[in-house]
Amino acid sequence: MSDTTHTTAAMRLPGDPSKDELLAQIIRVDQAGEYGAKRIYEGQLAVLGRTDAAPALRSMLAKEEAHLAEFNRIMAVRGVRPTALGPVWHAAGFALGAATALLGKEAAMACTVAVEEVIGAHYAEQAAELSDDEKDLRETVAAYGRDELAHRDEALAHGAERAPAYPVLTEAIKAGTRLAIWLSKRI
């Protein structure tokens, strides 16, 4: 094993999830995250769908829908159950998207920056955790992480930092995103 190749089993400590449990957590949380992101963009488009922000939001939504379809496929193939919090993410994602959009285009873009930055880092951590026997999954999460960071960059280019109380808004959304990740792994 090279220094850059990680083996989940070799790095396990007592009380850590087994390899199968870890893989199920990764797939479950990623599917939930892509679903939540889809709902955020749908909420933003419900408010901003006829503005100059709409094309960017539709483009990001389409990418999230493709990611979600792939994680739905992976879940089915591997027999991983979805999070029990799906109905919560359905409502909360849409509400977050709509609420930030009601604050203006810049606030909606600030929401995108916050969520996608956390998710991009989350995917990078997962890719580092996965061993060579999970190369396809590792490559998928790494590629999706790059997509999420591209969404963040696009949102920054659309004026996210001009949102009212940008630092407070983004830190609050980042904290909520981290909590959603923690919960979706477990429930």
N, C-alpha and C. Protein backbone atom coordinates (compact mmCIF):
# COMPACT_ATOMS: atom_id res chain seq x y z
N MET A 1 0.85 -1.17 0.00
CA MET A 1 0.00 0.00 0.00
C MET A 1 0.89 1.23 0.00
N SER A 2 0.62 2.16 -0.90
CA SER A 2 1.41 3.39 -0.96
C SER A 2 0.97 4.35 0.14
N ASP A 3 1.75 5.40 0.34
CA ASP A 3 1.42 6.39 1.37
C ASP A 3 0.11 7.10 1.07
N THR A 4 -0.25 7.21 -0.21
CA THR A 4 -1.46 7.94 -0.58
C THR A 4 -2.68 7.04 -0.72
N THR A 5 -2.51 5.75 -0.63
CA THR A 5 -3.63 4.83 -0.74
C THR A 5 -4.08 4.44 0.66
N HIS A 6 -5.34 4.63 0.92
CA HIS A 6 -5.88 4.33 2.25
C HIS A 6 -6.70 3.06 2.18
N THR A 7 -6.61 2.28 3.18
CA THR A 7 -7.43 1.09 3.30
C THR A 7 -8.32 1.28 4.52
N THR A 8 -9.61 1.33 4.30
CA THR A 8 -10.52 1.62 5.39
C THR A 8 -10.38 0.61 6.52
N ALA A 9 -10.20 -0.67 6.19
CA ALA A 9 -10.09 -1.68 7.23
C ALA A 9 -8.82 -1.50 8.06
N ALA A 10 -7.72 -1.14 7.43
CA ALA A 10 -6.45 -0.99 8.13
C ALA A 10 -6.46 0.21 9.08
N MET A 11 -7.29 1.18 8.83
CA MET A 11 -7.31 2.40 9.63
C MET A 11 -8.40 2.37 10.71
N ARG A 12 -9.12 1.28 10.81
CA ARG A 12 -10.23 1.17 11.76
C ARG A 12 -9.74 1.11 13.19
N LEU A 13 -10.49 1.75 14.05
CA LEU A 13 -10.27 1.67 15.49
C LEU A 13 -11.48 0.99 16.12
N PRO A 14 -11.35 0.46 17.32
CA PRO A 14 -12.52 -0.14 17.98
C PRO A 14 -13.66 0.87 18.04
N GLY A 15 -14.84 0.43 17.67
CA GLY A 15 -16.02 1.29 17.68
C GLY A 15 -16.27 1.98 16.35
N ASP A 16 -15.27 1.97 15.44
CA ASP A 16 -15.48 2.54 14.11
C ASP A 16 -16.43 1.65 13.33
N PRO A 17 -17.13 2.23 12.36
CA PRO A 17 -18.01 1.40 11.53
C PRO A 17 -17.18 0.42 10.70
N SER A 18 -17.79 -0.73 10.40
CA SER A 18 -17.13 -1.69 9.50
C SER A 18 -17.05 -1.06 8.11
N LYS A 19 -16.30 -1.71 7.23
CA LYS A 19 -16.18 -1.21 5.87
C LYS A 19 -17.55 -1.13 5.20
N ASP A 20 -18.38 -2.15 5.37
CA ASP A 20 -19.72 -2.14 4.77
C ASP A 20 -20.58 -1.02 5.35
N GLU A 21 -20.48 -0.83 6.67
CA GLU A 21 -21.23 0.26 7.30
C GLU A 21 -20.75 1.62 6.81
N LEU A 22 -19.45 1.78 6.67
CA LEU A 22 -18.89 3.04 6.18
C LEU A 22 -19.37 3.32 4.77
N LEU A 23 -19.32 2.31 3.91
CA LEU A 23 -19.79 2.50 2.53
C LEU A 23 -21.26 2.86 2.49
N ALA A 24 -22.06 2.20 3.32
CA ALA A 24 -23.49 2.53 3.37
C ALA A 24 -23.70 3.97 3.84
N GLN A 25 -22.93 4.40 4.84
CA GLN A 25 -23.03 5.78 5.31
C GLN A 25 -22.67 6.76 4.20
N ILE A 26 -21.60 6.49 3.49
CA ILE A 26 -21.16 7.38 2.41
C ILE A 26 -22.24 7.50 1.35
N ILE A 27 -22.76 6.39 0.92
CA ILE A 27 -23.78 6.40 -0.13
C ILE A 27 -25.05 7.08 0.37
N ARG A 28 -25.47 6.75 1.58
CA ARG A 28 -26.70 7.33 2.15
C ARG A 28 -26.60 8.85 2.27
N VAL A 29 -25.49 9.33 2.86
CA VAL A 29 -25.36 10.76 3.08
C VAL A 29 -25.20 11.51 1.76
N ASP A 30 -24.53 10.91 0.80
CA ASP A 30 -24.35 11.59 -0.48
C ASP A 30 -25.66 11.67 -1.26
N GLN A 31 -26.44 10.60 -1.22
CA GLN A 31 -27.74 10.65 -1.88
C GLN A 31 -28.62 11.69 -1.21
N ALA A 32 -28.61 11.74 0.12
CA ALA A 32 -29.41 12.74 0.85
C ALA A 32 -28.94 14.15 0.52
N GLY A 33 -27.63 14.34 0.44
CA GLY A 33 -27.10 15.66 0.13
C GLY A 33 -27.47 16.13 -1.26
N GLU A 34 -27.41 15.23 -2.22
CA GLU A 34 -27.79 15.61 -3.58
C GLU A 34 -29.28 15.91 -3.65
N TYR A 35 -30.08 15.16 -2.90
CA TYR A 35 -31.52 15.44 -2.86
C TYR A 35 -31.77 16.81 -2.22
N GLY A 36 -31.08 17.08 -1.10
CA GLY A 36 -31.24 18.37 -0.44
C GLY A 36 -30.82 19.52 -1.35
N ALA A 37 -29.72 19.35 -2.08
CA ALA A 37 -29.25 20.39 -3.00
C ALA A 37 -30.28 20.63 -4.10
N LYS A 38 -30.85 19.56 -4.62
CA LYS A 38 -31.90 19.67 -5.65
C LYS A 38 -33.05 20.51 -5.12
N ARG A 39 -33.45 20.23 -3.88
CA ARG A 39 -34.58 20.96 -3.30
C ARG A 39 -34.22 22.44 -3.03
N ILE A 40 -32.97 22.71 -2.64
CA ILE A 40 -32.55 24.10 -2.43
C ILE A 40 -32.68 24.87 -3.75
N TYR A 41 -32.15 24.30 -4.84
CA TYR A 41 -32.24 24.99 -6.13
C TYR A 41 -33.69 25.13 -6.59
N GLU A 42 -34.52 24.14 -6.31
CA GLU A 42 -35.94 24.26 -6.67
C GLU A 42 -36.59 25.40 -5.89
N GLY A 43 -36.25 25.54 -4.61
CA GLY A 43 -36.77 26.64 -3.82
C GLY A 43 -36.29 27.99 -4.34
N GLN A 44 -35.02 28.06 -4.71
CA GLN A 44 -34.49 29.31 -5.26
C GLN A 44 -35.17 29.66 -6.57
N LEU A 45 -35.39 28.67 -7.41
CA LEU A 45 -36.03 28.92 -8.70
C LEU A 45 -37.50 29.29 -8.54
N ALA A 46 -38.15 28.80 -7.47
CA ALA A 46 -39.55 29.19 -7.24
C ALA A 46 -39.66 30.69 -7.03
N VAL A 47 -38.62 31.29 -6.49
CA VAL A 47 -38.62 32.73 -6.24
C VAL A 47 -37.92 33.50 -7.37
N LEU A 48 -36.82 32.98 -7.86
CA LEU A 48 -35.98 33.71 -8.81
C LEU A 48 -36.07 33.17 -10.24
N GLY A 49 -37.06 32.34 -10.51
CA GLY A 49 -37.16 31.66 -11.80
C GLY A 49 -37.35 32.56 -13.00
N ARG A 50 -37.70 33.81 -12.78
CA ARG A 50 -37.89 34.74 -13.91
C ARG A 50 -36.91 35.90 -13.84
N THR A 51 -35.79 35.66 -13.19
CA THR A 51 -34.77 36.71 -13.06
C THR A 51 -33.52 36.31 -13.83
N ASP A 52 -32.55 37.19 -13.84
CA ASP A 52 -31.30 36.88 -14.54
C ASP A 52 -30.49 35.80 -13.83
N ALA A 53 -30.87 35.43 -12.61
CA ALA A 53 -30.20 34.35 -11.88
C ALA A 53 -30.68 32.97 -12.34
N ALA A 54 -31.83 32.92 -12.98
CA ALA A 54 -32.46 31.63 -13.32
C ALA A 54 -31.58 30.71 -14.17
N PRO A 55 -30.92 31.19 -15.22
CA PRO A 55 -30.11 30.25 -16.02
C PRO A 55 -29.02 29.55 -15.20
N ALA A 56 -28.33 30.29 -14.35
CA ALA A 56 -27.29 29.68 -13.51
C ALA A 56 -27.90 28.68 -12.55
N LEU A 57 -29.01 29.04 -11.93
CA LEU A 57 -29.67 28.14 -10.98
C LEU A 57 -30.17 26.87 -11.68
N ARG A 58 -30.73 27.02 -12.87
CA ARG A 58 -31.20 25.85 -13.62
C ARG A 58 -30.03 24.93 -14.00
N SER A 59 -28.92 25.52 -14.37
CA SER A 59 -27.73 24.73 -14.72
C SER A 59 -27.23 23.95 -13.51
N MET A 60 -27.16 24.61 -12.35
CA MET A 60 -26.70 23.93 -11.15
C MET A 60 -27.70 22.85 -10.74
N LEU A 61 -29.00 23.13 -10.86
CA LEU A 61 -30.03 22.13 -10.55
C LEU A 61 -29.87 20.91 -11.44
N ALA A 62 -29.64 21.12 -12.71
CA ALA A 62 -29.48 19.97 -13.63
C ALA A 62 -28.31 19.09 -13.22
N LYS A 63 -27.21 19.70 -12.79
CA LYS A 63 -26.04 18.92 -12.35
C LYS A 63 -26.40 18.13 -11.08
N GLU A 64 -27.12 18.76 -10.14
CA GLU A 64 -27.51 18.06 -8.91
C GLU A 64 -28.46 16.91 -9.23
N GLU A 65 -29.35 17.11 -10.18
CA GLU A 65 -30.27 16.03 -10.56
C GLU A 65 -29.50 14.84 -11.15
N ALA A 66 -28.46 15.13 -11.92
CA ALA A 66 -27.64 14.03 -12.47
C ALA A 66 -26.89 13.31 -11.35
N HIS A 67 -26.35 14.07 -10.41
CA HIS A 67 -25.68 13.45 -9.25
C HIS A 67 -26.67 12.59 -8.47
N LEU A 68 -27.85 13.12 -8.23
CA LEU A 68 -28.88 12.39 -7.47
C LEU A 68 -29.25 11.09 -8.19
N ALA A 69 -29.43 11.16 -9.48
CA ALA A 69 -29.79 9.95 -10.23
C ALA A 69 -28.70 8.88 -10.07
N GLU A 70 -27.44 9.29 -10.11
CA GLU A 70 -26.36 8.32 -9.95
C GLU A 70 -26.34 7.73 -8.55
N PHE A 71 -26.55 8.56 -7.52
CA PHE A 71 -26.58 7.99 -6.16
C PHE A 71 -27.82 7.14 -5.94
N ASN A 72 -28.94 7.47 -6.56
CA ASN A 72 -30.11 6.59 -6.48
C ASN A 72 -29.78 5.23 -7.10
N ARG A 73 -29.07 5.24 -8.21
CA ARG A 73 -28.68 3.99 -8.87
C ARG A 73 -27.74 3.18 -7.97
N ILE A 74 -26.74 3.86 -7.41
CA ILE A 74 -25.77 3.17 -6.54
C ILE A 74 -26.49 2.58 -5.32
N MET A 75 -27.43 3.33 -4.75
CA MET A 75 -28.18 2.82 -3.59
C MET A 75 -28.92 1.54 -3.95
N ALA A 76 -29.57 1.55 -5.10
CA ALA A 76 -30.34 0.38 -5.51
C ALA A 76 -29.43 -0.82 -5.76
N VAL A 77 -28.33 -0.61 -6.45
CA VAL A 77 -27.40 -1.70 -6.76
C VAL A 77 -26.81 -2.30 -5.49
N ARG A 78 -26.47 -1.44 -4.54
CA ARG A 78 -25.80 -1.91 -3.32
C ARG A 78 -26.75 -2.22 -2.18
N GLY A 79 -28.03 -1.97 -2.37
CA GLY A 79 -29.01 -2.27 -1.33
C GLY A 79 -28.87 -1.40 -0.09
N VAL A 80 -28.50 -0.13 -0.28
CA VAL A 80 -28.35 0.80 0.83
C VAL A 80 -29.66 1.52 1.05
N ARG A 81 -30.09 1.57 2.30
CA ARG A 81 -31.33 2.27 2.61
C ARG A 81 -31.09 3.78 2.59
N PRO A 82 -32.09 4.55 2.18
CA PRO A 82 -31.94 6.00 2.24
C PRO A 82 -32.08 6.49 3.69
N THR A 83 -31.70 7.72 3.92
CA THR A 83 -31.92 8.29 5.24
C THR A 83 -33.40 8.37 5.54
N ALA A 84 -33.75 8.19 6.79
CA ALA A 84 -35.14 8.34 7.22
C ALA A 84 -35.54 9.81 7.25
N LEU A 85 -34.57 10.69 7.08
CA LEU A 85 -34.83 12.13 7.14
C LEU A 85 -35.21 12.72 5.79
N GLY A 86 -35.44 11.91 4.79
CA GLY A 86 -35.80 12.40 3.46
C GLY A 86 -36.93 13.42 3.48
N PRO A 87 -38.03 13.16 4.20
CA PRO A 87 -39.10 14.16 4.23
C PRO A 87 -38.67 15.50 4.86
N VAL A 88 -37.76 15.43 5.82
CA VAL A 88 -37.25 16.67 6.43
C VAL A 88 -36.42 17.43 5.40
N TRP A 89 -35.53 16.73 4.69
CA TRP A 89 -34.69 17.40 3.69
C TRP A 89 -35.52 17.92 2.53
N HIS A 90 -36.63 17.24 2.23
CA HIS A 90 -37.54 17.70 1.18
C HIS A 90 -38.06 19.11 1.52
N ALA A 91 -38.56 19.25 2.73
CA ALA A 91 -39.12 20.54 3.14
C ALA A 91 -38.04 21.55 3.47
N ALA A 92 -37.03 21.13 4.23
CA ALA A 92 -35.99 22.06 4.67
C ALA A 92 -35.17 22.59 3.50
N GLY A 93 -34.85 21.74 2.55
CA GLY A 93 -34.08 22.19 1.39
C GLY A 93 -34.83 23.24 0.60
N PHE A 94 -36.10 22.98 0.30
CA PHE A 94 -36.90 23.95 -0.44
C PHE A 94 -37.04 25.24 0.35
N ALA A 95 -37.30 25.12 1.64
CA ALA A 95 -37.46 26.32 2.48
C ALA A 95 -36.18 27.15 2.52
N LEU A 96 -35.03 26.49 2.66
CA LEU A 96 -33.76 27.23 2.67
C LEU A 96 -33.55 27.94 1.34
N GLY A 97 -33.80 27.25 0.25
CA GLY A 97 -33.63 27.87 -1.06
C GLY A 97 -34.56 29.05 -1.26
N ALA A 98 -35.83 28.86 -0.93
CA ALA A 98 -36.81 29.95 -1.11
C ALA A 98 -36.52 31.12 -0.18
N ALA A 99 -36.19 30.82 1.08
CA ALA A 99 -35.94 31.89 2.05
C ALA A 99 -34.74 32.74 1.65
N THR A 100 -33.67 32.09 1.23
CA THR A 100 -32.50 32.88 0.83
C THR A 100 -32.80 33.65 -0.45
N ALA A 101 -33.54 33.07 -1.36
CA ALA A 101 -33.91 33.78 -2.59
C ALA A 101 -34.79 34.99 -2.30
N LEU A 102 -35.65 34.88 -1.30
CA LEU A 102 -36.49 36.02 -0.91
C LEU A 102 -35.66 37.18 -0.38
N LEU A 103 -34.48 36.87 0.12
CA LEU A 103 -33.56 37.92 0.57
C LEU A 103 -32.84 38.57 -0.60
N GLY A 104 -32.94 37.97 -1.77
CA GLY A 104 -32.32 38.52 -2.97
C GLY A 104 -31.42 37.52 -3.65
N LYS A 105 -31.09 37.83 -4.90
CA LYS A 105 -30.24 36.94 -5.71
C LYS A 105 -28.91 36.69 -5.02
N GLU A 106 -28.33 37.72 -4.44
CA GLU A 106 -27.02 37.56 -3.80
C GLU A 106 -27.09 36.62 -2.60
N ALA A 107 -28.18 36.68 -1.83
CA ALA A 107 -28.33 35.78 -0.69
C ALA A 107 -28.53 34.34 -1.16
N ALA A 108 -29.26 34.15 -2.25
CA ALA A 108 -29.41 32.80 -2.80
C ALA A 108 -28.04 32.27 -3.22
N MET A 109 -27.25 33.12 -3.84
CA MET A 109 -25.91 32.70 -4.25
C MET A 109 -25.01 32.45 -3.03
N ALA A 110 -25.20 33.23 -1.97
CA ALA A 110 -24.44 33.00 -0.73
C ALA A 110 -24.79 31.64 -0.14
N CYS A 111 -26.05 31.26 -0.23
CA CYS A 111 -26.48 29.93 0.22
C CYS A 111 -25.74 28.85 -0.58
N THR A 112 -25.66 29.04 -1.88
CA THR A 112 -24.95 28.09 -2.74
C THR A 112 -23.48 28.00 -2.33
N VAL A 113 -22.85 29.15 -2.10
CA VAL A 113 -21.44 29.14 -1.69
C VAL A 113 -21.27 28.30 -0.43
N ALA A 114 -22.11 28.56 0.57
CA ALA A 114 -21.97 27.87 1.86
C ALA A 114 -22.18 26.37 1.72
N VAL A 115 -23.27 25.97 1.10
CA VAL A 115 -23.60 24.55 0.98
C VAL A 115 -22.55 23.84 0.14
N GLU A 116 -22.22 24.39 -1.01
CA GLU A 116 -21.32 23.70 -1.93
C GLU A 116 -19.89 23.64 -1.38
N GLU A 117 -19.48 24.63 -0.62
CA GLU A 117 -18.15 24.58 -0.02
C GLU A 117 -18.05 23.44 0.99
N VAL A 118 -19.07 23.29 1.83
CA VAL A 118 -19.08 22.19 2.80
C VAL A 118 -19.15 20.85 2.09
N ILE A 119 -20.01 20.75 1.09
CA ILE A 119 -20.17 19.47 0.38
C ILE A 119 -18.91 19.12 -0.41
N GLY A 120 -18.29 20.11 -1.02
CA GLY A 120 -17.04 19.85 -1.74
C GLY A 120 -15.97 19.29 -0.83
N ALA A 121 -15.83 19.87 0.37
CA ALA A 121 -14.86 19.37 1.35
C ALA A 121 -15.26 17.98 1.84
N HIS A 122 -16.55 17.77 2.03
CA HIS A 122 -17.06 16.46 2.48
C HIS A 122 -16.72 15.37 1.46
N TYR A 123 -16.94 15.67 0.19
CA TYR A 123 -16.61 14.70 -0.85
C TYR A 123 -15.11 14.43 -0.89
N ALA A 124 -14.29 15.45 -0.71
CA ALA A 124 -12.83 15.25 -0.71
C ALA A 124 -12.42 14.33 0.44
N GLU A 125 -13.02 14.52 1.62
CA GLU A 125 -12.73 13.64 2.76
C GLU A 125 -13.13 12.20 2.45
N GLN A 126 -14.29 12.02 1.84
CA GLN A 126 -14.73 10.68 1.50
C GLN A 126 -13.79 10.03 0.49
N ALA A 127 -13.40 10.78 -0.52
CA ALA A 127 -12.50 10.23 -1.54
C ALA A 127 -11.19 9.76 -0.90
N ALA A 128 -10.72 10.51 0.08
CA ALA A 128 -9.48 10.14 0.78
C ALA A 128 -9.68 8.89 1.64
N GLU A 129 -10.89 8.66 2.11
CA GLU A 129 -11.19 7.49 2.96
C GLU A 129 -11.32 6.19 2.17
N LEU A 130 -11.71 6.30 0.92
CA LEU A 130 -12.02 5.10 0.14
C LEU A 130 -10.76 4.43 -0.38
N SER A 131 -10.74 3.11 -0.29
CA SER A 131 -9.58 2.34 -0.72
C SER A 131 -9.69 2.01 -2.21
N ASP A 132 -8.63 1.40 -2.74
CA ASP A 132 -8.57 1.08 -4.16
C ASP A 132 -9.67 0.11 -4.60
N ASP A 133 -10.18 -0.70 -3.68
CA ASP A 133 -11.25 -1.62 -4.07
C ASP A 133 -12.58 -0.89 -4.26
N GLU A 134 -12.61 0.39 -3.96
CA GLU A 134 -13.79 1.23 -4.20
C GLU A 134 -13.43 2.38 -5.14
N LYS A 135 -12.61 2.06 -6.12
CA LYS A 135 -12.10 3.09 -7.04
C LYS A 135 -13.24 3.82 -7.76
N ASP A 136 -14.25 3.11 -8.23
CA ASP A 136 -15.34 3.76 -8.96
C ASP A 136 -16.09 4.76 -8.07
N LEU A 137 -16.40 4.34 -6.85
CA LEU A 137 -17.09 5.24 -5.93
C LEU A 137 -16.19 6.42 -5.57
N ARG A 138 -14.92 6.14 -5.34
CA ARG A 138 -13.97 7.21 -5.01
C ARG A 138 -13.90 8.23 -6.15
N GLU A 139 -13.84 7.76 -7.39
CA GLU A 139 -13.78 8.68 -8.53
C GLU A 139 -15.08 9.47 -8.68
N THR A 140 -16.20 8.83 -8.38
CA THR A 140 -17.50 9.52 -8.45
C THR A 140 -17.56 10.65 -7.43
N VAL A 141 -17.23 10.36 -6.17
CA VAL A 141 -17.32 11.42 -5.15
C VAL A 141 -16.29 12.51 -5.41
N ALA A 142 -15.12 12.16 -5.91
CA ALA A 142 -14.12 13.19 -6.22
C ALA A 142 -14.61 14.09 -7.35
N ALA A 143 -15.19 13.51 -8.39
CA ALA A 143 -15.71 14.30 -9.51
C ALA A 143 -16.87 15.18 -9.06
N TYR A 144 -17.77 14.64 -8.24
CA TYR A 144 -18.90 15.42 -7.77
C TYR A 144 -18.43 16.54 -6.85
N GLY A 145 -17.39 16.28 -6.07
CA GLY A 145 -16.82 17.33 -5.24
C GLY A 145 -16.31 18.49 -6.07
N ARG A 146 -15.67 18.17 -7.18
CA ARG A 146 -15.20 19.23 -8.09
C ARG A 146 -16.39 20.01 -8.67
N ASP A 147 -17.47 19.30 -9.00
CA ASP A 147 -18.67 19.97 -9.51
C ASP A 147 -19.24 20.93 -8.46
N GLU A 148 -19.28 20.48 -7.21
CA GLU A 148 -19.84 21.32 -6.14
C GLU A 148 -18.99 22.58 -5.96
N LEU A 149 -17.68 22.44 -6.01
CA LEU A 149 -16.81 23.60 -5.88
C LEU A 149 -16.94 24.53 -7.08
N ALA A 150 -17.24 23.98 -8.25
CA ALA A 150 -17.50 24.82 -9.42
C ALA A 150 -18.79 25.62 -9.21
N HIS A 151 -19.79 25.01 -8.58
CA HIS A 151 -21.03 25.74 -8.26
C HIS A 151 -20.72 26.88 -7.29
N ARG A 152 -19.89 26.59 -6.29
CA ARG A 152 -19.49 27.63 -5.35
C ARG A 152 -18.84 28.80 -6.08
N ASP A 153 -17.92 28.48 -6.97
CA ASP A 153 -17.22 29.52 -7.72
C ASP A 153 -18.17 30.32 -8.60
N GLU A 154 -19.11 29.63 -9.21
CA GLU A 154 -20.10 30.32 -10.04
C GLU A 154 -20.96 31.25 -9.20
N ALA A 155 -21.35 30.80 -8.02
CA ALA A 155 -22.15 31.64 -7.13
C ALA A 155 -21.36 32.87 -6.69
N LEU A 156 -20.08 32.70 -6.44
CA LEU A 156 -19.23 33.85 -6.09
C LEU A 156 -19.18 34.83 -7.26
N ALA A 157 -19.08 34.31 -8.47
CA ALA A 157 -19.05 35.17 -9.66
C ALA A 157 -20.36 35.91 -9.86
N HIS A 158 -21.45 35.36 -9.31
CA HIS A 158 -22.77 36.00 -9.41
C HIS A 158 -23.07 36.92 -8.21
N GLY A 159 -22.06 37.29 -7.45
CA GLY A 159 -22.25 38.31 -6.42
C GLY A 159 -22.62 37.82 -5.04
N ALA A 160 -22.36 36.59 -4.74
CA ALA A 160 -22.72 36.03 -3.43
C ALA A 160 -22.21 36.88 -2.27
N GLU A 161 -20.99 37.39 -2.40
CA GLU A 161 -20.39 38.13 -1.29
C GLU A 161 -21.04 39.50 -1.05
N ARG A 162 -21.93 39.90 -1.95
CA ARG A 162 -22.67 41.16 -1.76
C ARG A 162 -23.96 40.94 -0.96
N ALA A 163 -24.23 39.70 -0.58
CA ALA A 163 -25.45 39.41 0.19
C ALA A 163 -25.40 40.12 1.54
N PRO A 164 -26.57 40.53 2.03
CA PRO A 164 -26.60 41.14 3.37
C PRO A 164 -26.05 40.16 4.41
N ALA A 165 -25.19 40.65 5.28
CA ALA A 165 -24.62 39.84 6.36
C ALA A 165 -24.00 38.54 5.84
N TYR A 166 -23.29 38.63 4.73
CA TYR A 166 -22.71 37.46 4.07
C TYR A 166 -21.98 36.52 5.03
N PRO A 167 -21.06 37.03 5.87
CA PRO A 167 -20.33 36.09 6.75
C PRO A 167 -21.25 35.35 7.72
N VAL A 168 -22.21 36.05 8.28
CA VAL A 168 -23.14 35.43 9.22
C VAL A 168 -24.03 34.42 8.50
N LEU A 169 -24.57 34.84 7.37
CA LEU A 169 -25.45 33.98 6.59
C LEU A 169 -24.74 32.69 6.16
N THR A 170 -23.55 32.83 5.60
CA THR A 170 -22.85 31.63 5.12
C THR A 170 -22.41 30.72 6.26
N GLU A 171 -21.95 31.28 7.36
CA GLU A 171 -21.54 30.43 8.49
C GLU A 171 -22.73 29.68 9.08
N ALA A 172 -23.89 30.33 9.15
CA ALA A 172 -25.08 29.65 9.66
C ALA A 172 -25.49 28.50 8.73
N ILE A 173 -25.44 28.74 7.43
CA ILE A 173 -25.81 27.70 6.47
C ILE A 173 -24.78 26.57 6.48
N LYS A 174 -23.50 26.91 6.62
CA LYS A 174 -22.47 25.87 6.71
C LYS A 174 -22.71 24.98 7.94
N ALA A 175 -23.04 25.60 9.07
CA ALA A 175 -23.30 24.82 10.28
C ALA A 175 -24.50 23.90 10.08
N GLY A 176 -25.55 24.41 9.46
CA GLY A 176 -26.72 23.57 9.18
C GLY A 176 -26.40 22.44 8.23
N THR A 177 -25.55 22.70 7.24
CA THR A 177 -25.15 21.67 6.28
C THR A 177 -24.34 20.58 6.98
N ARG A 178 -23.43 20.99 7.85
CA ARG A 178 -22.63 19.99 8.59
C ARG A 178 -23.53 19.13 9.48
N LEU A 179 -24.54 19.75 10.10
CA LEU A 179 -25.48 18.99 10.93
C LEU A 179 -26.28 18.02 10.06
N ALA A 180 -26.72 18.46 8.91
CA ALA A 180 -27.47 17.58 8.01
C ALA A 180 -26.62 16.38 7.59
N ILE A 181 -25.35 16.60 7.33
CA ILE A 181 -24.44 15.50 6.98
C ILE A 181 -24.35 14.52 8.14
N TRP A 182 -24.10 15.03 9.33
CA TRP A 182 -23.96 14.18 10.52
C TRP A 182 -25.23 13.35 10.72
N LEU A 183 -26.38 13.98 10.63
CA LEU A 183 -27.65 13.27 10.85
C LEU A 183 -27.92 12.24 9.75
N SER A 184 -27.67 12.61 8.50
CA SER A 184 -27.99 11.70 7.40
C SER A 184 -27.11 10.46 7.38
N LYS A 185 -25.92 10.54 7.93
CA LYS A 185 -25.08 9.35 8.04
C LYS A 185 -25.71 8.34 8.99
N ARG A 186 -26.41 8.82 10.00
CA ARG A 186 -26.82 7.99 11.11
C ARG A 186 -28.29 7.61 11.13
N ILE A 187 -29.12 8.41 10.54
CA ILE A 187 -30.57 8.18 10.66
C ILE A 187 -31.18 7.80 9.33
